[in-house]
């Protein structure tokens, strides 16, 4: 099982940080993300609840559904499909709160890769390490913009 939790203070206003994280079609501007696309628009706004995004982070392609969207404080997603390895995803959530110097962000993702033996011994720990580094990199990029 991988259990990723990244906490960071981003020295930007909460609305700006949320807007960058919710801009599903433009994740390719972040380091480590090769492609991103908004496949299906959300119920009340394009990137909102119900939206389906495709994100390619070599070697993975992930299809993530937005299951909660509370501007500007919470974004929750669920990996519905992945290749070349299947993820069993419990939760992906980004919580934002205003802080004196900007925005406090807590980003979590929990699940496991469905590969017998190799998944739990090798791939889940590797996913946890690379996922945490990737989330931190995205938040750093938002701060630099």
Protein backbone atom coordinates (compact mmCIF):
# COMPACT_ATOMS: atom_id res chain seq x y z
CA UNK A 1 0.00 0.00 0.00
CA UNK A 2 1.15 3.52 -0.71
CA UNK A 3 0.15 6.31 1.65
CA UNK A 4 1.34 9.71 0.46
CA UNK A 5 0.96 12.86 2.50
CA UNK A 6 2.62 16.12 1.50
CA UNK A 7 2.19 19.30 3.55
CA UNK A 8 3.52 22.60 2.26
CA UNK A 9 3.06 26.31 2.73
CA UNK A 10 2.68 27.91 -0.70
CA UNK A 11 3.33 31.64 -0.61
CA UNK A 12 0.38 32.51 -2.85
CA UNK A 13 -3.26 33.41 -2.16
CA UNK A 14 -5.57 30.44 -1.65
CA UNK A 15 -7.70 31.26 -4.72
CA UNK A 16 -4.61 31.23 -6.95
CA UNK A 17 -3.34 27.91 -5.57
CA UNK A 18 -6.75 26.26 -5.89
CA UNK A 19 -7.18 27.55 -9.46
CA UNK A 20 -3.80 26.07 -10.48
CA UNK A 21 -4.60 22.69 -8.89
CA UNK A 22 -8.08 22.58 -10.44
CA UNK A 23 -6.87 23.43 -13.96
CA UNK A 24 -6.88 19.78 -15.04
CA UNK A 25 -6.15 20.39 -18.71
CA UNK A 26 -2.92 22.23 -17.91
CA UNK A 27 -1.09 19.85 -15.55
CA UNK A 28 1.50 19.28 -18.28
CA UNK A 29 3.02 22.63 -17.27
CA UNK A 30 4.17 20.96 -14.03
CA UNK A 31 7.50 19.12 -13.82
CA UNK A 32 7.13 15.37 -14.29
CA UNK A 33 3.72 15.55 -15.96
CA UNK A 34 4.00 14.63 -19.63
CA UNK A 35 0.41 15.23 -20.74
CA UNK A 36 -2.90 16.28 -19.24
CA UNK A 37 -6.38 16.60 -20.64
CA UNK A 38 -9.84 17.37 -19.37
CA UNK A 39 -11.87 14.49 -20.86
CA UNK A 40 -15.30 15.26 -19.38
CA UNK A 41 -16.42 18.55 -17.86
CA UNK A 42 -17.81 18.70 -14.35
CA UNK A 43 -21.43 19.17 -13.32
CA UNK A 44 -21.42 22.88 -12.43
CA UNK A 45 -18.09 24.05 -13.79
CA UNK A 46 -15.59 22.57 -16.23
CA UNK A 47 -13.07 21.36 -13.64
CA UNK A 48 -15.60 20.71 -10.87
CA UNK A 49 -17.25 17.65 -9.38
CA UNK A 50 -17.78 14.95 -11.97
CA UNK A 51 -14.92 16.09 -14.23
CA UNK A 52 -12.71 13.36 -15.67
CA UNK A 53 -9.06 14.14 -16.32
CA UNK A 54 -6.35 12.12 -18.02
CA UNK A 55 -2.83 12.59 -16.72
CA UNK A 56 0.25 10.94 -18.19
CA UNK A 57 3.25 10.60 -15.93
CA UNK A 58 5.60 8.16 -17.65
CA UNK A 59 5.10 5.25 -17.65
CA UNK A 60 1.57 5.67 -16.22
CA UNK A 61 -1.61 7.04 -17.70
CA UNK A 62 -4.20 7.85 -15.04
CA UNK A 63 -7.89 8.65 -15.46
CA UNK A 64 -9.04 10.56 -12.40
CA UNK A 65 -12.61 11.55 -11.55
CA UNK A 66 -13.19 14.65 -9.42
CA UNK A 67 -15.50 13.45 -6.63
CA UNK A 68 -15.49 16.56 -4.42
CA UNK A 69 -14.91 20.17 -5.40
CA UNK A 70 -15.25 22.88 -2.76
CA UNK A 71 -13.65 26.06 -4.03
CA UNK A 72 -11.14 27.17 -2.68
CA UNK A 73 -10.61 24.63 0.10
CA UNK A 74 -10.94 21.06 -1.13
CA UNK A 75 -10.45 18.95 -4.22
CA UNK A 76 -10.91 15.17 -4.06
CA UNK A 77 -10.26 12.70 -6.87
CA UNK A 78 -10.43 8.97 -7.53
CA UNK A 79 -8.27 7.05 -10.00
CA UNK A 80 -10.83 5.15 -12.08
CA UNK A 81 -8.50 3.63 -14.63
CA UNK A 82 -4.75 3.35 -15.10
CA UNK A 83 -2.24 1.71 -17.38
CA UNK A 84 0.07 -0.12 -17.78
CA UNK A 85 -0.54 -1.10 -14.13
CA UNK A 86 -3.89 -0.98 -12.37
CA UNK A 87 -4.18 1.20 -9.28
CA UNK A 88 -6.66 0.40 -6.54
CA UNK A 89 -7.10 3.95 -5.27
CA UNK A 90 -8.75 4.67 -1.93
CA UNK A 91 -8.51 8.45 -1.91
CA UNK A 92 -6.79 11.42 -3.44
CA UNK A 93 -7.45 14.71 -1.73
CA UNK A 94 -6.02 18.21 -1.62
CA UNK A 95 -7.04 20.47 1.27
CA UNK A 96 -6.16 24.15 1.33
CA UNK A 97 -6.41 26.62 4.20
CA UNK A 98 -5.45 30.25 4.36
CA UNK A 99 -2.29 30.98 6.32
CA UNK A 100 -0.60 34.22 7.29
CA UNK A 101 2.09 33.80 4.63
CA UNK A 102 -0.04 32.18 1.90
CA UNK A 103 -1.82 28.85 1.65
CA UNK A 104 -1.30 25.69 3.68
CA UNK A 105 -1.75 22.66 1.41
CA UNK A 106 -2.18 19.06 2.54
CA UNK A 107 -2.19 16.57 -0.36
CA UNK A 108 -2.87 12.90 0.31
CA UNK A 109 -3.18 9.86 -1.92
CA UNK A 110 -3.67 6.32 -0.69
CA UNK A 111 -4.01 2.99 -2.46
CA UNK A 112 -1.97 0.20 -3.98
CA UNK A 113 -0.85 -1.15 -7.30
CA UNK A 114 -2.55 -4.40 -8.27
CA UNK A 115 0.52 -6.48 -9.01
CA UNK A 116 0.84 -9.66 -6.90
CA UNK A 117 3.87 -9.65 -4.58
CA UNK A 118 5.78 -7.00 -6.56
CA UNK A 119 3.08 -4.42 -5.85
CA UNK A 120 3.34 -4.45 -2.08
CA UNK A 121 7.07 -5.17 -1.87
CA UNK A 122 8.52 -2.96 -4.58
CA UNK A 123 6.01 -0.88 -6.52
CA UNK A 124 3.90 0.58 -3.70
CA UNK A 125 6.94 1.95 -1.80
CA UNK A 126 8.37 3.33 -5.05
CA UNK A 127 5.01 4.92 -5.91
CA UNK A 128 4.83 6.47 -2.44
CA UNK A 129 8.30 7.99 -2.76
CA UNK A 130 7.86 9.24 -6.33
CA UNK A 131 4.29 10.43 -5.67
CA UNK A 132 5.38 12.51 -2.67
CA UNK A 133 8.21 14.04 -4.69
CA UNK A 134 5.84 14.75 -7.58
CA UNK A 135 3.19 16.42 -5.39
CA UNK A 136 5.86 18.56 -3.71
CA UNK A 137 7.26 19.51 -7.12
CA UNK A 138 3.83 20.63 -8.35
CA UNK A 139 3.30 22.80 -5.27
CA UNK A 140 6.78 24.35 -5.69
CA UNK A 141 5.98 25.09 -9.35
CA UNK A 142 2.73 26.83 -8.35
CA UNK A 143 4.65 29.00 -5.90
CA UNK A 144 7.19 29.97 -8.60
CA UNK A 145 4.52 30.96 -11.16
